[in-house]
Amino acid sequence: ANLALPIALAALVGGTAYAGADTTFNPALTMFTDFLEGSGGKI
């Protein structure tokens, strides 16, 4: 039961997650990358 219960709960409650499908931090990543590749990197 200690092994099966967490596995069953994870299967019932957990949704499908796809790596790379989340775009939450794309604006911050783009801004930081542009900063380092541009004037920020030179500074």
PDB file of all heavy atoms in Angstrom:
ATOM      1  N   ALA A   1       0.828  -1.201   0.000  1.00  0.00           N
ATOM      2  CA  ALA A   1       0.000   0.000   0.000  1.00  0.00           C
ATOM      3  C   ALA A   1       0.868   1.259   0.000  1.00  0.00           C
ATOM      4  O   ALA A   1       0.522   2.255  -0.644  1.00  0.00           O
ATOM      5  CB  ALA A   1      -0.932   0.001   1.201  1.00  0.00           C
ATOM      6  N   ASN A   2       1.983   1.231   0.709  1.00  0.00           N
ATOM      7  CA  ASN A   2       2.888   2.378   0.740  1.00  0.00           C
ATOM      8  C   ASN A   2       3.481   2.670  -0.637  1.00  0.00           C
ATOM      9  O   ASN A   2       3.832   3.807  -0.940  1.00  0.00           O
ATOM     10  CB  ASN A   2       4.022   2.151   1.733  1.00  0.00           C
ATOM     11  CG  ASN A   2       3.576   2.365   3.165  1.00  0.00           C
ATOM     12  OD1 ASN A   2       2.546   2.968   3.418  1.00  0.00           O
ATOM     13  ND2 ASN A   2       4.359   1.837   4.091  1.00  0.00           N
ATOM     14  N   LEU A   3       3.592   1.668  -1.462  1.00  0.00           N
ATOM     15  CA  LEU A   3       4.121   1.860  -2.800  1.00  0.00           C
ATOM     16  C   LEU A   3       3.016   2.166  -3.814  1.00  0.00           C
ATOM     17  O   LEU A   3       3.147   3.047  -4.652  1.00  0.00           O
ATOM     18  CB  LEU A   3       4.902   0.617  -3.236  1.00  0.00           C
ATOM     19  CG  LEU A   3       5.520   0.660  -4.624  1.00  0.00           C
ATOM     20  CD1 LEU A   3       6.596   1.726  -4.675  1.00  0.00           C
ATOM     21  CD2 LEU A   3       6.088  -0.680  -4.996  1.00  0.00           C
ATOM     22  N   ALA A   4       1.924   1.445  -3.716  1.00  0.00           N
ATOM     23  CA  ALA A   4       0.868   1.556  -4.731  1.00  0.00           C
ATOM     24  C   ALA A   4       0.035   2.827  -4.581  1.00  0.00           C
ATOM     25  O   ALA A   4      -0.413   3.388  -5.583  1.00  0.00           O
ATOM     26  CB  ALA A   4      -0.032   0.330  -4.657  1.00  0.00           C
ATOM     27  N   LEU A   5      -0.188   3.291  -3.372  1.00  0.00           N
ATOM     28  CA  LEU A   5      -1.042   4.454  -3.166  1.00  0.00           C
ATOM     29  C   LEU A   5      -0.481   5.724  -3.816  1.00  0.00           C
ATOM     30  O   LEU A   5      -1.202   6.397  -4.547  1.00  0.00           O
ATOM     31  CB  LEU A   5      -1.290   4.666  -1.664  1.00  0.00           C
ATOM     32  CG  LEU A   5      -2.286   5.747  -1.315  1.00  0.00           C
ATOM     33  CD1 LEU A   5      -3.657   5.409  -1.863  1.00  0.00           C
ATOM     34  CD2 LEU A   5      -2.349   5.933   0.187  1.00  0.00           C
ATOM     35  N   PRO A   6       0.784   6.082  -3.626  1.00  0.00           N
ATOM     36  CA  PRO A   6       1.297   7.280  -4.308  1.00  0.00           C
ATOM     37  C   PRO A   6       1.290   7.150  -5.835  1.00  0.00           C
ATOM     38  O   PRO A   6       1.013   8.115  -6.546  1.00  0.00           O
ATOM     39  CB  PRO A   6       2.730   7.424  -3.795  1.00  0.00           C
ATOM     40  CG  PRO A   6       2.773   6.656  -2.534  1.00  0.00           C
ATOM     41  CD  PRO A   6       1.762   5.565  -2.675  1.00  0.00           C
ATOM     42  N   ILE A   7       1.548   5.955  -6.335  1.00  0.00           N
ATOM     43  CA  ILE A   7       1.544   5.757  -7.787  1.00  0.00           C
ATOM     44  C   ILE A   7       0.132   5.930  -8.334  1.00  0.00           C
ATOM     45  O   ILE A   7      -0.079   6.577  -9.364  1.00  0.00           O
ATOM     46  CB  ILE A   7       2.125   4.367  -8.140  1.00  0.00           C
ATOM     47  CG1 ILE A   7       3.618   4.338  -7.815  1.00  0.00           C
ATOM     48  CG2 ILE A   7       1.886   4.035  -9.611  1.00  0.00           C
ATOM     49  CD1 ILE A   7       4.262   2.991  -7.973  1.00  0.00           C
ATOM     50  N   ALA A   8      -0.860   5.380  -7.636  1.00  0.00           N
ATOM     51  CA  ALA A   8      -2.248   5.508  -8.079  1.00  0.00           C
ATOM     52  C   ALA A   8      -2.707   6.965  -8.021  1.00  0.00           C
ATOM     53  O   ALA A   8      -3.378   7.451  -8.942  1.00  0.00           O
ATOM     54  CB  ALA A   8      -3.152   4.630  -7.219  1.00  0.00           C
ATOM     55  N   LEU A   9      -2.345   7.677  -6.959  1.00  0.00           N
ATOM     56  CA  LEU A   9      -2.722   9.090  -6.863  1.00  0.00           C
ATOM     57  C   LEU A   9      -2.073   9.923  -7.960  1.00  0.00           C
ATOM     58  O   LEU A   9      -2.702  10.799  -8.547  1.00  0.00           O
ATOM     59  CB  LEU A   9      -2.347   9.646  -5.495  1.00  0.00           C
ATOM     60  CG  LEU A   9      -3.263   9.245  -4.341  1.00  0.00           C
ATOM     61  CD1 LEU A   9      -2.703   9.746  -3.033  1.00  0.00           C
ATOM     62  CD2 LEU A   9      -4.656   9.777  -4.568  1.00  0.00           C
ATOM     63  N   ALA A  10      -0.819   9.656  -8.246  1.00  0.00           N
ATOM     64  CA  ALA A  10      -0.128  10.400  -9.301  1.00  0.00           C
ATOM     65  C   ALA A  10      -0.764  10.134 -10.659  1.00  0.00           C
ATOM     66  O   ALA A  10      -0.885  11.033 -11.489  1.00  0.00           O
ATOM     67  CB  ALA A  10       1.349  10.031  -9.321  1.00  0.00           C
ATOM     68  N   ALA A  11      -1.182   8.898 -10.885  1.00  0.00           N
ATOM     69  CA  ALA A  11      -1.810   8.563 -12.161  1.00  0.00           C
ATOM     70  C   ALA A  11      -3.174   9.225 -12.305  1.00  0.00           C
ATOM     71  O   ALA A  11      -3.557   9.652 -13.394  1.00  0.00           O
ATOM     72  CB  ALA A  11      -1.935   7.057 -12.295  1.00  0.00           C
ATOM     73  N   LEU A  12      -3.913   9.326 -11.209  1.00  0.00           N
ATOM     74  CA  LEU A  12      -5.249   9.909 -11.279  1.00  0.00           C
ATOM     75  C   LEU A  12      -5.224  11.430 -11.318  1.00  0.00           C
ATOM     76  O   LEU A  12      -6.002  12.051 -12.027  1.00  0.00           O
ATOM     77  CB  LEU A  12      -6.082   9.448 -10.073  1.00  0.00           C
ATOM     78  CG  LEU A  12      -6.466   7.966 -10.056  1.00  0.00           C
ATOM     79  CD1 LEU A  12      -7.140   7.623  -8.739  1.00  0.00           C
ATOM     80  CD2 LEU A  12      -7.374   7.641 -11.225  1.00  0.00           C
ATOM     81  N   VAL A  13      -4.345  12.038 -10.532  1.00  0.00           N
ATOM     82  CA  VAL A  13      -4.346  13.488 -10.375  1.00  0.00           C
ATOM     83  C   VAL A  13      -3.456  14.177 -11.398  1.00  0.00           C
ATOM     84  O   VAL A  13      -3.785  15.249 -11.898  1.00  0.00           O
ATOM     85  CB  VAL A  13      -3.902  13.863  -8.940  1.00  0.00           C
ATOM     86  CG1 VAL A  13      -3.799  15.362  -8.781  1.00  0.00           C
ATOM     87  CG2 VAL A  13      -4.867  13.278  -7.935  1.00  0.00           C
ATOM     88  N   GLY A  14      -2.327  13.586 -11.718  1.00  0.00           N
ATOM     89  CA  GLY A  14      -1.341  14.242 -12.564  1.00  0.00           C
ATOM     90  C   GLY A  14      -1.802  14.377 -13.995  1.00  0.00           C
ATOM     91  O   GLY A  14      -2.421  13.494 -14.566  1.00  0.00           O
ATOM     92  N   GLY A  15      -1.500  15.513 -14.570  1.00  0.00           N
ATOM     93  CA  GLY A  15      -1.798  15.748 -15.973  1.00  0.00           C
ATOM     94  C   GLY A  15      -0.574  15.469 -16.813  1.00  0.00           C
ATOM     95  O   GLY A  15       0.513  15.193 -16.318  1.00  0.00           O
ATOM     96  N   THR A  16      -0.739  15.542 -18.087  1.00  0.00           N
ATOM     97  CA  THR A  16       0.371  15.303 -18.997  1.00  0.00           C
ATOM     98  C   THR A  16       1.226  16.560 -19.096  1.00  0.00           C
ATOM     99  O   THR A  16       0.713  17.653 -19.272  1.00  0.00           O
ATOM    100  CB  THR A  16      -0.157  14.935 -20.391  1.00  0.00           C
ATOM    101  OG1 THR A  16      -1.041  13.831 -20.257  1.00  0.00           O
ATOM    102  CG2 THR A  16       0.969  14.564 -21.314  1.00  0.00           C
ATOM    103  N   ALA A  17       2.525  16.378 -18.975  1.00  0.00           N
ATOM    104  CA  ALA A  17       3.451  17.505 -19.081  1.00  0.00           C
ATOM    105  C   ALA A  17       4.353  17.277 -20.285  1.00  0.00           C
ATOM    106  O   ALA A  17       4.879  16.190 -20.490  1.00  0.00           O
ATOM    107  CB  ALA A  17       4.285  17.619 -17.817  1.00  0.00           C
ATOM    108  N   TYR A  18       4.496  18.299 -21.089  1.00  0.00           N
ATOM    109  CA  TYR A  18       5.364  18.222 -22.252  1.00  0.00           C
ATOM    110  C   TYR A  18       6.516  19.197 -22.072  1.00  0.00           C
ATOM    111  O   TYR A  18       6.296  20.382 -21.843  1.00  0.00           O
ATOM    112  CB  TYR A  18       4.593  18.578 -23.527  1.00  0.00           C
ATOM    113  CG  TYR A  18       3.482  17.617 -23.822  1.00  0.00           C
ATOM    114  CD1 TYR A  18       2.169  17.943 -23.544  1.00  0.00           C
ATOM    115  CD2 TYR A  18       3.757  16.370 -24.370  1.00  0.00           C
ATOM    116  CE1 TYR A  18       1.145  17.048 -23.805  1.00  0.00           C
ATOM    117  CE2 TYR A  18       2.744  15.474 -24.630  1.00  0.00           C
ATOM    118  CZ  TYR A  18       1.442  15.820 -24.353  1.00  0.00           C
ATOM    119  OH  TYR A  18       0.438  14.941 -24.605  1.00  0.00           O
ATOM    120  N   ALA A  19       7.730  18.693 -22.186  1.00  0.00           N
ATOM    121  CA  ALA A  19       8.896  19.557 -22.044  1.00  0.00           C
ATOM    122  C   ALA A  19       8.966  20.506 -23.230  1.00  0.00           C
ATOM    123  O   ALA A  19       8.795  20.115 -24.374  1.00  0.00           O
ATOM    124  CB  ALA A  19      10.166  18.716 -21.968  1.00  0.00           C
ATOM    125  N   GLY A  20       9.199  21.748 -22.933  1.00  0.00           N
ATOM    126  CA  GLY A  20       9.340  22.737 -23.979  1.00  0.00           C
ATOM    127  C   GLY A  20       8.031  23.349 -24.451  1.00  0.00           C
ATOM    128  O   GLY A  20       8.030  24.250 -25.264  1.00  0.00           O
ATOM    129  N   ALA A  21       6.902  22.856 -23.960  1.00  0.00           N
ATOM    130  CA  ALA A  21       5.620  23.390 -24.399  1.00  0.00           C
ATOM    131  C   ALA A  21       5.220  24.641 -23.624  1.00  0.00           C
ATOM    132  O   ALA A  21       4.375  25.401 -24.067  1.00  0.00           O
ATOM    133  CB  ALA A  21       4.534  22.326 -24.240  1.00  0.00           C
ATOM    134  N   ASP A  22       5.839  24.852 -22.479  1.00  0.00           N
ATOM    135  CA  ASP A  22       5.497  26.003 -21.647  1.00  0.00           C
ATOM    136  C   ASP A  22       6.261  27.231 -22.140  1.00  0.00           C
ATOM    137  O   ASP A  22       7.465  27.188 -22.343  1.00  0.00           O
ATOM    138  CB  ASP A  22       5.855  25.711 -20.197  1.00  0.00           C
ATOM    139  CG  ASP A  22       5.400  26.811 -19.263  1.00  0.00           C
ATOM    140  OD1 ASP A  22       4.468  27.543 -19.633  1.00  0.00           O
ATOM    141  OD2 ASP A  22       5.972  26.930 -18.172  1.00  0.00           O
ATOM    142  N   THR A  23       5.543  28.324 -22.330  1.00  0.00           N
ATOM    143  CA  THR A  23       6.174  29.555 -22.812  1.00  0.00           C
ATOM    144  C   THR A  23       6.119  30.665 -21.771  1.00  0.00           C
ATOM    145  O   THR A  23       6.180  31.833 -22.116  1.00  0.00           O
ATOM    146  CB  THR A  23       5.479  30.025 -24.103  1.00  0.00           C
ATOM    147  OG1 THR A  23       4.102  30.241 -23.820  1.00  0.00           O
ATOM    148  CG2 THR A  23       5.630  29.008 -25.209  1.00  0.00           C
ATOM    149  N   THR A  24       6.021  30.289 -20.503  1.00  0.00           N
ATOM    150  CA  THR A  24       5.879  31.278 -19.444  1.00  0.00           C
ATOM    151  C   THR A  24       7.073  32.224 -19.389  1.00  0.00           C
ATOM    152  O   THR A  24       6.900  33.430 -19.249  1.00  0.00           O
ATOM    153  CB  THR A  24       5.728  30.567 -18.086  1.00  0.00           C
ATOM    154  OG1 THR A  24       4.627  29.680 -18.165  1.00  0.00           O
ATOM    155  CG2 THR A  24       5.510  31.554 -16.976  1.00  0.00           C
ATOM    156  N   PHE A  25       8.272  31.696 -19.503  1.00  0.00           N
ATOM    157  CA  PHE A  25       9.468  32.507 -19.310  1.00  0.00           C
ATOM    158  C   PHE A  25      10.117  32.938 -20.619  1.00  0.00           C
ATOM    159  O   PHE A  25      11.231  33.453 -20.611  1.00  0.00           O
ATOM    160  CB  PHE A  25      10.480  31.743 -18.455  1.00  0.00           C
ATOM    161  CG  PHE A  25       9.974  31.457 -17.072  1.00  0.00           C
ATOM    162  CD1 PHE A  25       9.584  30.179 -16.704  1.00  0.00           C
ATOM    163  CD2 PHE A  25       9.859  32.474 -16.144  1.00  0.00           C
ATOM    164  CE1 PHE A  25       9.110  29.927 -15.445  1.00  0.00           C
ATOM    165  CE2 PHE A  25       9.381  32.220 -14.877  1.00  0.00           C
ATOM    166  CZ  PHE A  25       9.008  30.939 -14.523  1.00  0.00           C
ATOM    167  N   ASN A  26       9.463  32.743 -21.739  1.00  0.00           N
ATOM    168  CA  ASN A  26      10.048  33.146 -23.017  1.00  0.00           C
ATOM    169  C   ASN A  26      10.365  34.635 -23.104  1.00  0.00           C
ATOM    170  O   ASN A  26      11.437  34.999 -23.595  1.00  0.00           O
ATOM    171  CB  ASN A  26       9.160  32.723 -24.180  1.00  0.00           C
ATOM    172  CG  ASN A  26       9.442  31.308 -24.613  1.00  0.00           C
ATOM    173  OD1 ASN A  26      10.375  30.689 -24.136  1.00  0.00           O
ATOM    174  ND2 ASN A  26       8.624  30.788 -25.510  1.00  0.00           N
ATOM    175  N   PRO A  27       9.483  35.539 -22.657  1.00  0.00           N
ATOM    176  CA  PRO A  27       9.853  36.958 -22.721  1.00  0.00           C
ATOM    177  C   PRO A  27      11.100  37.293 -21.901  1.00  0.00           C
ATOM    178  O   PRO A  27      11.979  38.033 -22.365  1.00  0.00           O
ATOM    179  CB  PRO A  27       8.624  37.681 -22.169  1.00  0.00           C
ATOM    180  CG  PRO A  27       7.494  36.741 -22.376  1.00  0.00           C
ATOM    181  CD  PRO A  27       8.091  35.372 -22.236  1.00  0.00           C
ATOM    182  N   ALA A  28      11.208  36.732 -20.705  1.00  0.00           N
ATOM    183  CA  ALA A  28      12.381  36.990 -19.865  1.00  0.00           C
ATOM    184  C   ALA A  28      13.635  36.388 -20.487  1.00  0.00           C
ATOM    185  O   ALA A  28      14.705  37.011 -20.487  1.00  0.00           O
ATOM    186  CB  ALA A  28      12.161  36.438 -18.466  1.00  0.00           C
ATOM    187  N   LEU A  29      13.520  35.187 -21.042  1.00  0.00           N
ATOM    188  CA  LEU A  29      14.667  34.543 -21.678  1.00  0.00           C
ATOM    189  C   LEU A  29      15.131  35.344 -22.887  1.00  0.00           C
ATOM    190  O   LEU A  29      16.329  35.564 -23.081  1.00  0.00           O
ATOM    191  CB  LEU A  29      14.313  33.116 -22.097  1.00  0.00           C
ATOM    192  CG  LEU A  29      15.390  32.361 -22.876  1.00  0.00           C
ATOM    193  CD1 LEU A  29      16.615  32.140 -22.007  1.00  0.00           C
ATOM    194  CD2 LEU A  29      14.852  31.059 -23.397  1.00  0.00           C
ATOM    195  N   THR A  30      14.194  35.804 -23.684  1.00  0.00           N
ATOM    196  CA  THR A  30      14.538  36.597 -24.858  1.00  0.00           C
ATOM    197  C   THR A  30      15.220  37.903 -24.462  1.00  0.00           C
ATOM    198  O   THR A  30      16.243  38.291 -25.055  1.00  0.00           O
ATOM    199  CB  THR A  30      13.275  36.896 -25.687  1.00  0.00           C
ATOM    200  OG1 THR A  30      12.665  35.654 -26.036  1.00  0.00           O
ATOM    201  CG2 THR A  30      13.608  37.675 -26.939  1.00  0.00           C
ATOM    202  N   MET A  31      14.687  38.574 -23.444  1.00  0.00           N
ATOM    203  CA  MET A  31      15.269  39.833 -23.005  1.00  0.00           C
ATOM    204  C   MET A  31      16.680  39.616 -22.455  1.00  0.00           C
ATOM    205  O   MET A  31      17.608  40.378 -22.768  1.00  0.00           O
ATOM    206  CB  MET A  31      14.384  40.474 -21.927  1.00  0.00           C
ATOM    207  CG  MET A  31      14.829  41.858 -21.524  1.00  0.00           C
ATOM    208  SD  MET A  31      13.696  42.671 -20.403  1.00  0.00           S
ATOM    209  CE  MET A  31      13.902  41.710 -18.931  1.00  0.00           C
ATOM    210  N   PHE A  32      16.870  38.584 -21.645  1.00  0.00           N
ATOM    211  CA  PHE A  32      18.179  38.308 -21.055  1.00  0.00           C
ATOM    212  C   PHE A  32      19.191  37.910 -22.130  1.00  0.00           C
ATOM    213  O   PHE A  32      20.343  38.360 -22.123  1.00  0.00           O
ATOM    214  CB  PHE A  32      18.044  37.208 -19.998  1.00  0.00           C
ATOM    215  CG  PHE A  32      19.278  36.970 -19.203  1.00  0.00           C
ATOM    216  CD1 PHE A  32      19.744  37.918 -18.308  1.00  0.00           C
ATOM    217  CD2 PHE A  32      19.994  35.790 -19.351  1.00  0.00           C
ATOM    218  CE1 PHE A  32      20.891  37.701 -17.577  1.00  0.00           C
ATOM    219  CE2 PHE A  32      21.138  35.571 -18.617  1.00  0.00           C
ATOM    220  CZ  PHE A  32      21.589  36.520 -17.729  1.00  0.00           C
ATOM    221  N   THR A  33      18.771  37.073 -23.073  1.00  0.00           N
ATOM    222  CA  THR A  33      19.662  36.653 -24.155  1.00  0.00           C
ATOM    223  C   THR A  33      20.055  37.837 -25.025  1.00  0.00           C
ATOM    224  O   THR A  33      21.226  37.996 -25.389  1.00  0.00           O
ATOM    225  CB  THR A  33      18.974  35.578 -25.014  1.00  0.00           C
ATOM    226  OG1 THR A  33      18.603  34.484 -24.176  1.00  0.00           O
ATOM    227  CG2 THR A  33      19.886  35.068 -26.098  1.00  0.00           C
ATOM    228  N   ASP A  34      19.077  38.681 -25.367  1.00  0.00           N
ATOM    229  CA  ASP A  34      19.389  39.875 -26.164  1.00  0.00           C
ATOM    230  C   ASP A  34      20.339  40.809 -25.425  1.00  0.00           C
ATOM    231  O   ASP A  34      21.235  41.411 -26.028  1.00  0.00           O
ATOM    232  CB  ASP A  34      18.109  40.624 -26.530  1.00  0.00           C
ATOM    233  CG  ASP A  34      17.258  39.853 -27.535  1.00  0.00           C
ATOM    234  OD1 ASP A  34      17.795  38.906 -28.156  1.00  0.00           O
ATOM    235  OD2 ASP A  34      16.068  40.190 -27.678  1.00  0.00           O
ATOM    236  N   PHE A  35      20.160  40.929 -24.104  1.00  0.00           N
ATOM    237  CA  PHE A  35      21.044  41.784 -23.308  1.00  0.00           C
ATOM    238  C   PHE A  35      22.474  41.273 -23.343  1.00  0.00           C
ATOM    239  O   PHE A  35      23.417  42.038 -23.564  1.00  0.00           O
ATOM    240  CB  PHE A  35      20.533  41.858 -21.862  1.00  0.00           C
ATOM    241  CG  PHE A  35      21.447  42.584 -20.930  1.00  0.00           C
ATOM    242  CD1 PHE A  35      21.527  43.964 -20.942  1.00  0.00           C
ATOM    243  CD2 PHE A  35      22.237  41.883 -20.025  1.00  0.00           C
ATOM    244  CE1 PHE A  35      22.384  44.634 -20.082  1.00  0.00           C
ATOM    245  CE2 PHE A  35      23.088  42.546 -19.160  1.00  0.00           C
ATOM    246  CZ  PHE A  35      23.161  43.926 -19.187  1.00  0.00           C
ATOM    247  N   LEU A  36      22.654  39.961 -23.134  1.00  0.00           N
ATOM    248  CA  LEU A  36      24.011  39.417 -23.101  1.00  0.00           C
ATOM    249  C   LEU A  36      24.666  39.421 -24.474  1.00  0.00           C
ATOM    250  O   LEU A  36      25.882  39.602 -24.589  1.00  0.00           O
ATOM    251  CB  LEU A  36      24.000  37.996 -22.533  1.00  0.00           C
ATOM    252  CG  LEU A  36      23.810  37.894 -21.035  1.00  0.00           C
ATOM    253  CD1 LEU A  36      23.816  36.444 -20.601  1.00  0.00           C
ATOM    254  CD2 LEU A  36      24.897  38.646 -20.286  1.00  0.00           C
ATOM    255  N   GLU A  37      23.894  39.198 -25.520  1.00  0.00           N
ATOM    256  CA  GLU A  37      24.474  39.185 -26.859  1.00  0.00           C
ATOM    257  C   GLU A  37      24.687  40.603 -27.406  1.00  0.00           C
ATOM    258  O   GLU A  37      25.427  40.782 -28.360  1.00  0.00           O
ATOM    259  CB  GLU A  37      23.567  38.406 -27.819  1.00  0.00           C
ATOM    260  CG  GLU A  37      23.580  36.918 -27.565  1.00  0.00           C
ATOM    261  CD  GLU A  37      22.635  36.161 -28.483  1.00  0.00           C
ATOM    262  OE1 GLU A  37      21.737  36.783 -29.080  1.00  0.00           O
ATOM    263  OE2 GLU A  37      22.801  34.944 -28.588  1.00  0.00           O
ATOM    264  N   GLY A  38      24.043  41.583 -26.813  1.00  0.00           N
ATOM    265  CA  GLY A  38      24.148  42.965 -27.307  1.00  0.00           C
ATOM    266  C   GLY A  38      25.048  43.809 -26.434  1.00  0.00           C
ATOM    267  O   GLY A  38      26.176  43.438 -26.094  1.00  0.00           O
ATOM    268  N   SER A  39      24.526  44.960 -26.031  1.00  0.00           N
ATOM    269  CA  SER A  39      25.327  45.931 -25.290  1.00  0.00           C
ATOM    270  C   SER A  39      25.708  45.420 -23.900  1.00  0.00           C
ATOM    271  O   SER A  39      26.775  45.768 -23.389  1.00  0.00           O
ATOM    272  CB  SER A  39      24.563  47.249 -25.174  1.00  0.00           C
ATOM    273  OG  SER A  39      23.341  47.039 -24.480  1.00  0.00           O
ATOM    274  N   GLY A  40      24.868  44.618 -23.288  1.00  0.00           N
ATOM    275  CA  GLY A  40      25.193  44.103 -21.951  1.00  0.00           C
ATOM    276  C   GLY A  40      26.437  43.243 -21.947  1.00  0.00           C
ATOM    277  O   GLY A  40      27.284  43.342 -21.048  1.00  0.00           O
ATOM    278  N   GLY A  41      26.586  42.402 -22.952  1.00  0.00           N
ATOM    279  CA  GLY A  41      27.790  41.572 -23.062  1.00  0.00           C
ATOM    280  C   GLY A  41      29.034  42.398 -23.273  1.00  0.00           C
ATOM    281  O   GLY A  41      30.094  42.107 -22.726  1.00  0.00           O
ATOM    282  N   LYS A  42      28.893  43.465 -24.061  1.00  0.00           N
ATOM    283  CA  LYS A  42      30.042  44.355 -24.285  1.00  0.00           C
ATOM    284  C   LYS A  42      30.427  45.083 -22.999  1.00  0.00           C
ATOM    285  O   LYS A  42      31.600  45.230 -22.683  1.00  0.00           O
ATOM    286  CB  LYS A  42      29.714  45.361 -25.386  1.00  0.00           C
ATOM    287  CG  LYS A  42      29.579  44.710 -26.736  1.00  0.00           C
ATOM    288  CD  LYS A  42      29.162  45.704 -27.782  1.00  0.00           C
ATOM    289  CE  LYS A  42      28.903  45.009 -29.108  1.00  0.00           C
ATOM    290  NZ  LYS A  42      28.329  45.883 -30.107  1.00  0.00           N
ATOM    291  N   ILE A  43      29.421  45.521 -22.245  1.00  0.00           N
ATOM    292  CA  ILE A  43      29.696  46.208 -20.978  1.00  0.00           C
ATOM    293  C   ILE A  43      30.388  45.269 -19.998  1.00  0.00           C
ATOM    294  O   ILE A  43      31.374  45.647 -19.343  1.00  0.00           O
ATOM    295  CB  ILE A  43      28.394  46.771 -20.378  1.00  0.00           C
ATOM    296  CG1 ILE A  43      27.872  47.920 -21.236  1.00  0.00           C
ATOM    297  CG2 ILE A  43      28.591  47.212 -18.935  1.00  0.00           C
ATOM    298  CD1 ILE A  43      26.489  48.393 -20.863  1.00  0.00           C
TER     299      ILE A  43
END
